[in-house]
Amino acid sequence: MNADELLAALNLPPRSDTNLPFDELGVDSWNLVELRATLETRHGIRLSDEDWLEIESPGDVLRLLR
């Protein structure tokens, strides 16, 4: 998953600043639940609960996926 795909999955405009915290981007906890489900079901990517607790921005997600 690249930045554009991640932003689309979060219903954010293209080229949004991926380093801004989710709350500043208007992303709520439900959006993150949906993102986790999308990563797991569509992309086969599983992140641990501990990893999810460390995620504060879309950039954090992208770094974990590298």
PDB file of N, CA and C in Angstrom:
ATOM      1  N   MET A   1       0.849  -1.165   0.000  1.00  0.00           N
ATOM      2  CA  MET A   1       0.000   0.000   0.000  1.00  0.00           C
ATOM      3  C   MET A   1       0.900   1.235   0.000  1.00  0.00           C
ATOM      4  N   ASN A   2       0.620   2.142  -0.915  1.00  0.00           N
ATOM      5  CA  ASN A   2       1.390   3.385  -0.965  1.00  0.00           C
ATOM      6  C   ASN A   2       0.595   4.516  -0.307  1.00  0.00           C
ATOM      7  N   ALA A   3       1.180   5.700  -0.274  1.00  0.00           N
ATOM      8  CA  ALA A   3       0.553   6.833   0.411  1.00  0.00           C
ATOM      9  C   ALA A   3      -0.799   7.189  -0.197  1.00  0.00           C
ATOM     10  N   ASP A   4      -0.897   7.186  -1.522  1.00  0.00           N
ATOM     11  CA  ASP A   4      -2.165   7.527  -2.167  1.00  0.00           C
ATOM     12  C   ASP A   4      -3.262   6.535  -1.805  1.00  0.00           C
ATOM     13  N   GLU A   5      -2.925   5.247  -1.798  1.00  0.00           N
ATOM     14  CA  GLU A   5      -3.910   4.221  -1.428  1.00  0.00           C
ATOM     15  C   GLU A   5      -4.332   4.364   0.027  1.00  0.00           C
ATOM     16  N   LEU A   6      -3.368   4.661   0.882  1.00  0.00           N
ATOM     17  CA  LEU A   6      -3.675   4.831   2.301  1.00  0.00           C
ATOM     18  C   LEU A   6      -4.594   6.028   2.521  1.00  0.00           C
ATOM     19  N   LEU A   7      -4.280   7.142   1.891  1.00  0.00           N
ATOM     20  CA  LEU A   7      -5.123   8.331   2.033  1.00  0.00           C
ATOM     21  C   LEU A   7      -6.529   8.070   1.508  1.00  0.00           C
ATOM     22  N   ALA A   8      -6.641   7.360   0.392  1.00  0.00           N
ATOM     23  CA  ALA A   8      -7.961   7.030  -0.151  1.00  0.00           C
ATOM     24  C   ALA A   8      -8.733   6.132   0.812  1.00  0.00           C
ATOM     25  N   ALA A   9      -8.051   5.165   1.420  1.00  0.00           N
ATOM     26  CA  ALA A   9      -8.711   4.265   2.373  1.00  0.00           C
ATOM     27  C   ALA A   9      -9.228   5.028   3.589  1.00  0.00           C
ATOM     28  N   LEU A  10      -8.584   6.135   3.913  1.00  0.00           N
ATOM     29  CA  LEU A  10      -8.999   6.965   5.049  1.00  0.00           C
ATOM     30  C   LEU A  10      -9.940   8.093   4.626  1.00  0.00           C
ATOM     31  N   ASN A  11     -10.318   8.097   3.337  1.00  0.00           N
ATOM     32  CA  ASN A  11     -11.183   9.147   2.779  1.00  0.00           C
ATOM     33  C   ASN A  11     -10.577  10.540   2.935  1.00  0.00           C
ATOM     34  N   LEU A  12      -9.266  10.611   2.764  1.00  0.00           N
ATOM     35  CA  LEU A  12      -8.559  11.888   2.837  1.00  0.00           C
ATOM     36  C   LEU A  12      -8.178  12.341   1.432  1.00  0.00           C
ATOM     37  N   PRO A  13      -8.072  13.643   1.223  1.00  0.00           N
ATOM     38  CA  PRO A  13      -7.678  14.141  -0.096  1.00  0.00           C
ATOM     39  C   PRO A  13      -6.266  13.687  -0.462  1.00  0.00           C
ATOM     40  N   PRO A  14      -6.027  13.486  -1.756  1.00  0.00           N
ATOM     41  CA  PRO A  14      -4.671  13.155  -2.199  1.00  0.00           C
ATOM     42  C   PRO A  14      -3.702  14.248  -1.747  1.00  0.00           C
ATOM     43  N   ARG A  15      -2.508  13.857  -1.496  1.00  0.00           N
ATOM     44  CA  ARG A  15      -1.436  14.757  -1.086  1.00  0.00           C
ATOM     45  C   ARG A  15      -1.652  15.385   0.292  1.00  0.00           C
ATOM     46  N   SER A  16      -2.521  14.791   1.097  1.00  0.00           N
ATOM     47  CA  SER A  16      -2.632  15.229   2.493  1.00  0.00           C
ATOM     48  C   SER A  16      -1.303  14.948   3.177  1.00  0.00           C
ATOM     49  N   ASP A  17      -0.976  15.730   4.165  1.00  0.00           N
ATOM     50  CA  ASP A  17       0.281  15.559   4.901  1.00  0.00           C
ATOM     51  C   ASP A  17       0.185  14.300   5.759  1.00  0.00           C
ATOM     52  N   THR A  18       0.924  13.265   5.385  1.00  0.00           N
ATOM     53  CA  THR A  18       0.848  11.985   6.094  1.00  0.00           C
ATOM     54  C   THR A  18       1.530  12.024   7.457  1.00  0.00           C
ATOM     55  N   ASN A  19       2.207  13.120   7.766  1.00  0.00           N
ATOM     56  CA  ASN A  19       2.862  13.229   9.071  1.00  0.00           C
ATOM     57  C   ASN A  19       1.994  13.913  10.121  1.00  0.00           C
ATOM     58  N   LEU A  20       0.854  14.459   9.704  1.00  0.00           N
ATOM     59  CA  LEU A  20      -0.065  15.058  10.669  1.00  0.00           C
ATOM     60  C   LEU A  20      -0.761  13.962  11.461  1.00  0.00           C
ATOM     61  N   PRO A  21      -1.024  14.208  12.734  1.00  0.00           N
ATOM     62  CA  PRO A  21      -1.759  13.216  13.536  1.00  0.00           C
ATOM     63  C   PRO A  21      -3.157  12.979  12.963  1.00  0.00           C
ATOM     64  N   PHE A  22      -3.655  11.769  13.182  1.00  0.00           N
ATOM     65  CA  PHE A  22      -4.971  11.415  12.667  1.00  0.00           C
ATOM     66  C   PHE A  22      -6.044  12.410  13.090  1.00  0.00           C
ATOM     67  N   ASP A  23      -6.029  12.840  14.347  1.00  0.00           N
ATOM     68  CA  ASP A  23      -7.090  13.738  14.807  1.00  0.00           C
ATOM     69  C   ASP A  23      -7.061  15.077  14.075  1.00  0.00           C
ATOM     70  N   GLU A  24      -5.887  15.565  13.710  1.00  0.00           N
ATOM     71  CA  GLU A  24      -5.799  16.813  12.948  1.00  0.00           C
ATOM     72  C   GLU A  24      -6.305  16.640  11.521  1.00  0.00           C
ATOM     73  N   LEU A  25      -6.263  15.409  11.026  1.00  0.00           N
ATOM     74  CA  LEU A  25      -6.759  15.116   9.684  1.00  0.00           C
ATOM     75  C   LEU A  25      -8.251  14.772   9.689  1.00  0.00           C
ATOM     76  N   GLY A  26      -8.849  14.707  10.868  1.00  0.00           N
ATOM     77  CA  GLY A  26     -10.270  14.370  10.961  1.00  0.00           C
ATOM     78  C   GLY A  26     -10.543  12.881  10.936  1.00  0.00           C
ATOM     79  N   VAL A  27      -9.517  12.075  11.166  1.00  0.00           N
ATOM     80  CA  VAL A  27      -9.658  10.618  11.185  1.00  0.00           C
ATOM     81  C   VAL A  27      -9.997  10.198  12.612  1.00  0.00           C
ATOM     82  N   ASP A  28     -11.077   9.425  12.747  1.00  0.00           N
ATOM     83  CA  ASP A  28     -11.477   8.984  14.088  1.00  0.00           C
ATOM     84  C   ASP A  28     -11.173   7.500  14.279  1.00  0.00           C
ATOM     85  N   SER A  29     -11.502   6.999  15.451  1.00  0.00           N
ATOM     86  CA  SER A  29     -11.172   5.605  15.778  1.00  0.00           C
ATOM     87  C   SER A  29     -11.883   4.622  14.854  1.00  0.00           C
ATOM     88  N   TRP A  30     -13.093   4.947  14.431  1.00  0.00           N
ATOM     89  CA  TRP A  30     -13.807   4.039  13.519  1.00  0.00           C
ATOM     90  C   TRP A  30     -13.080   3.954  12.181  1.00  0.00           C
ATOM     91  N   ASN A  31     -12.570   5.095  11.689  1.00  0.00           N
ATOM     92  CA  ASN A  31     -11.793   5.073  10.450  1.00  0.00           C
ATOM     93  C   ASN A  31     -10.585   4.154  10.581  1.00  0.00           C
ATOM     94  N   LEU A  32      -9.974   4.139  11.757  1.00  0.00           N
ATOM     95  CA  LEU A  32      -8.804   3.282  11.972  1.00  0.00           C
ATOM     96  C   LEU A  32      -9.186   1.813  12.031  1.00  0.00           C
ATOM     97  N   VAL A  33     -10.349   1.513  12.597  1.00  0.00           N
ATOM     98  CA  VAL A  33     -10.845   0.131  12.596  1.00  0.00           C
ATOM     99  C   VAL A  33     -11.066  -0.322  11.156  1.00  0.00           C
ATOM    100  N   GLU A  34     -11.673   0.543  10.349  1.00  0.00           N
ATOM    101  CA  GLU A  34     -11.898   0.212   8.941  1.00  0.00           C
ATOM    102  C   GLU A  34     -10.578   0.045   8.193  1.00  0.00           C
ATOM    103  N   LEU A  35      -9.609   0.909   8.486  1.00  0.00           N
ATOM    104  CA  LEU A  35      -8.303   0.794   7.837  1.00  0.00           C
ATOM    105  C   LEU A  35      -7.648  -0.530   8.187  1.00  0.00           C
ATOM    106  N   ARG A  36      -7.703  -0.906   9.442  1.00  0.00           N
ATOM    107  CA  ARG A  36      -7.096  -2.177   9.856  1.00  0.00           C
ATOM    108  C   ARG A  36      -7.754  -3.340   9.123  1.00  0.00           C
ATOM    109  N   ALA A  37      -9.069  -3.321   9.018  1.00  0.00           N
ATOM    110  CA  ALA A  37      -9.785  -4.383   8.305  1.00  0.00           C
ATOM    111  C   ALA A  37      -9.387  -4.407   6.832  1.00  0.00           C
ATOM    112  N   THR A  38      -9.247  -3.245   6.227  1.00  0.00           N
ATOM    113  CA  THR A  38      -8.840  -3.167   4.821  1.00  0.00           C
ATOM    114  C   THR A  38      -7.438  -3.724   4.625  1.00  0.00           C
ATOM    115  N   LEU A  39      -6.529  -3.350   5.498  1.00  0.00           N
ATOM    116  CA  LEU A  39      -5.160  -3.859   5.390  1.00  0.00           C
ATOM    117  C   LEU A  39      -5.136  -5.378   5.495  1.00  0.00           C
ATOM    118  N   GLU A  40      -5.936  -5.914   6.408  1.00  0.00           N
ATOM    119  CA  GLU A  40      -5.932  -7.360   6.628  1.00  0.00           C
ATOM    120  C   GLU A  40      -6.656  -8.118   5.523  1.00  0.00           C
ATOM    121  N   THR A  41      -7.833  -7.664   5.117  1.00  0.00           N
ATOM    122  CA  THR A  41      -8.625  -8.440   4.161  1.00  0.00           C
ATOM    123  C   THR A  41      -8.213  -8.229   2.713  1.00  0.00           C
ATOM    124  N   ARG A  42      -7.934  -7.004   2.330  1.00  0.00           N
ATOM    125  CA  ARG A  42      -7.608  -6.730   0.930  1.00  0.00           C
ATOM    126  C   ARG A  42      -6.133  -6.867   0.612  1.00  0.00           C
ATOM    127  N   HIS A  43      -5.294  -6.596   1.598  1.00  0.00           N
ATOM    128  CA  HIS A  43      -3.859  -6.575   1.329  1.00  0.00           C
ATOM    129  C   HIS A  43      -3.093  -7.674   2.052  1.00  0.00           C
ATOM    130  N   GLY A  44      -3.765  -8.429   2.924  1.00  0.00           N
ATOM    131  CA  GLY A  44      -3.105  -9.510   3.645  1.00  0.00           C
ATOM    132  C   GLY A  44      -2.045  -9.031   4.623  1.00  0.00           C
ATOM    133  N   ILE A  45      -2.158  -7.782   5.062  1.00  0.00           N
ATOM    134  CA  ILE A  45      -1.176  -7.193   5.972  1.00  0.00           C
ATOM    135  C   ILE A  45      -1.743  -7.216   7.381  1.00  0.00           C
ATOM    136  N   ARG A  46      -1.028  -7.863   8.282  1.00  0.00           N
ATOM    137  CA  ARG A  46      -1.473  -7.922   9.676  1.00  0.00           C
ATOM    138  C   ARG A  46      -0.445  -7.223  10.558  1.00  0.00           C
ATOM    139  N   LEU A  47      -0.934  -6.260  11.321  1.00  0.00           N
ATOM    140  CA  LEU A  47      -0.092  -5.559  12.283  1.00  0.00           C
ATOM    141  C   LEU A  47      -0.550  -5.955  13.674  1.00  0.00           C
ATOM    142  N   SER A  48       0.390  -6.081  14.574  1.00  0.00           N
ATOM    143  CA  SER A  48       0.055  -6.484  15.942  1.00  0.00           C
ATOM    144  C   SER A  48      -0.712  -5.373  16.662  1.00  0.00           C
ATOM    145  N   ASP A  49      -1.402  -5.754  17.727  1.00  0.00           N
ATOM    146  CA  ASP A  49      -2.096  -4.756  18.549  1.00  0.00           C
ATOM    147  C   ASP A  49      -1.108  -3.724  19.077  1.00  0.00           C
ATOM    148  N   GLU A  50       0.085  -4.169  19.431  1.00  0.00           N
ATOM    149  CA  GLU A  50       1.105  -3.258  19.936  1.00  0.00           C
ATOM    150  C   GLU A  50       1.494  -2.227  18.878  1.00  0.00           C
ATOM    151  N   ASP A  51       1.620  -2.681  17.622  1.00  0.00           N
ATOM    152  CA  ASP A  51       1.930  -1.749  16.536  1.00  0.00           C
ATOM    153  C   ASP A  51       0.826  -0.707  16.392  1.00  0.00           C
ATOM    154  N   TRP A  52      -0.422  -1.146  16.462  1.00  0.00           N
ATOM    155  CA  TRP A  52      -1.544  -0.211  16.311  1.00  0.00           C
ATOM    156  C   TRP A  52      -1.564   0.831  17.420  1.00  0.00           C
ATOM    157  N   LEU A  53      -1.115   0.468  18.603  1.00  0.00           N
ATOM    158  CA  LEU A  53      -1.090   1.430  19.705  1.00  0.00           C
ATOM    159  C   LEU A  53      -0.048   2.527  19.485  1.00  0.00           C
ATOM    160  N   GLU A  54       0.951   2.245  18.660  1.00  0.00           N
ATOM    161  CA  GLU A  54       2.014   3.208  18.383  1.00  0.00           C
ATOM    162  C   GLU A  54       1.693   4.127  17.205  1.00  0.00           C
ATOM    163  N   ILE A  55       0.658   3.810  16.454  1.00  0.00           N
ATOM    164  CA  ILE A  55       0.329   4.557  15.241  1.00  0.00           C
ATOM    165  C   ILE A  55      -0.424   5.834  15.600  1.00  0.00           C
ATOM    166  N   GLU A  56       0.135   6.969  15.167  1.00  0.00           N
ATOM    167  CA  GLU A  56      -0.498   8.262  15.427  1.00  0.00           C
ATOM    168  C   GLU A  56      -0.790   9.051  14.162  1.00  0.00           C
ATOM    169  N   SER A  57      -0.262   8.581  13.027  1.00  0.00           N
ATOM    170  CA  SER A  57      -0.436   9.312  11.769  1.00  0.00           C
ATOM    171  C   SER A  57      -0.398   8.327  10.601  1.00  0.00           C
ATOM    172  N   PRO A  58      -0.870   8.756   9.434  1.00  0.00           N
ATOM    173  CA  PRO A  58      -0.741   7.895   8.255  1.00  0.00           C
ATOM    174  C   PRO A  58       0.723   7.547   7.964  1.00  0.00           C
ATOM    175  N   GLY A  59       1.620   8.482   8.242  1.00  0.00           N
ATOM    176  CA  GLY A  59       3.048   8.213   8.034  1.00  0.00           C
ATOM    177  C   GLY A  59       3.545   7.059   8.881  1.00  0.00           C
ATOM    178  N   ASP A  60       3.022   6.942  10.097  1.00  0.00           N
ATOM    179  CA  ASP A  60       3.392   5.813  10.958  1.00  0.00           C
ATOM    180  C   ASP A  60       2.973   4.492  10.317  1.00  0.00           C
ATOM    181  N   VAL A  61       1.785   4.470   9.728  1.00  0.00           N
ATOM    182  CA  VAL A  61       1.310   3.251   9.054  1.00  0.00           C
ATOM    183  C   VAL A  61       2.249   2.911   7.905  1.00  0.00           C
ATOM    184  N   LEU A  62       2.581   3.902   7.099  1.00  0.00           N
ATOM    185  CA  LEU A  62       3.458   3.662   5.951  1.00  0.00           C
ATOM    186  C   LEU A  62       4.822   3.142   6.386  1.00  0.00           C
ATOM    187  N   ARG A  63       5.361   3.672   7.470  1.00  0.00           N
ATOM    188  CA  ARG A  63       6.666   3.193   7.961  1.00  0.00           C
ATOM    189  C   ARG A  63       6.585   1.737   8.415  1.00  0.00           C
ATOM    190  N   LEU A  64       5.487   1.352   9.040  1.00  0.00           N
ATOM    191  CA  LEU A  64       5.333  -0.038   9.482  1.00  0.00           C
ATOM    192  C   LEU A  64       5.178  -0.995   8.305  1.00  0.00           C
ATOM    193  N   LEU A  65       4.669  -0.504   7.199  1.00  0.00           N
ATOM    194  CA  LEU A  65       4.438  -1.363   6.037  1.00  0.00           C
ATOM    195  C   LEU A  65       5.684  -1.550   5.180  1.00  0.00           C
ATOM    196  N   ARG A  66       6.718  -0.798   5.448  1.00  0.00           N
ATOM    197  CA  ARG A  66       7.947  -0.926   4.639  1.00  0.00           C
ATOM    198  C   ARG A  66       8.668  -2.193   4.944  1.00  0.00           C
TER     199      ARG A  66
END
